[in-house]
């Protein structure tokens, strides 16, 4: 029973985790906006989410705390989607590719999608609670 509920909510758990990771990536870009030579990075959310869902269905996943740790079978991370350098709209003379307008837009988009995911998750939980109570 609990496995079915966990499977039912797994998508939202993985999605919220990746949204939080995306905020960290955007914050890192913003923090390095004035660092000469810094290249802005981002990852493909769709590919990362597919990797996370595939890993959660294939069995146990091991967390790594250092990039030099070997990935266990069934493990997926944001790196599966691939941290990639973002192409610069207008590169600066010092080689920095962070564009604050792009970062603000990405932050706003991610925040709205995070909030939407939370809303869907709350409705799912409310539906499950109604089912448990027998619709009363």
Foldseek 3Di string as FASTA:
>chain_A
DVVVVCVVCVLLVLLLVVLVVQVVLLVVLVVCQPPQQAFRKGFDSVQQSVLLVQLVVVDDFDDDDDPPDDGDPSHGDSCSSNTDGDDAPDADPRNYRRDVVVSVVSNVVSVVVSVVSVVVSVVVVVVVVCVVVVND
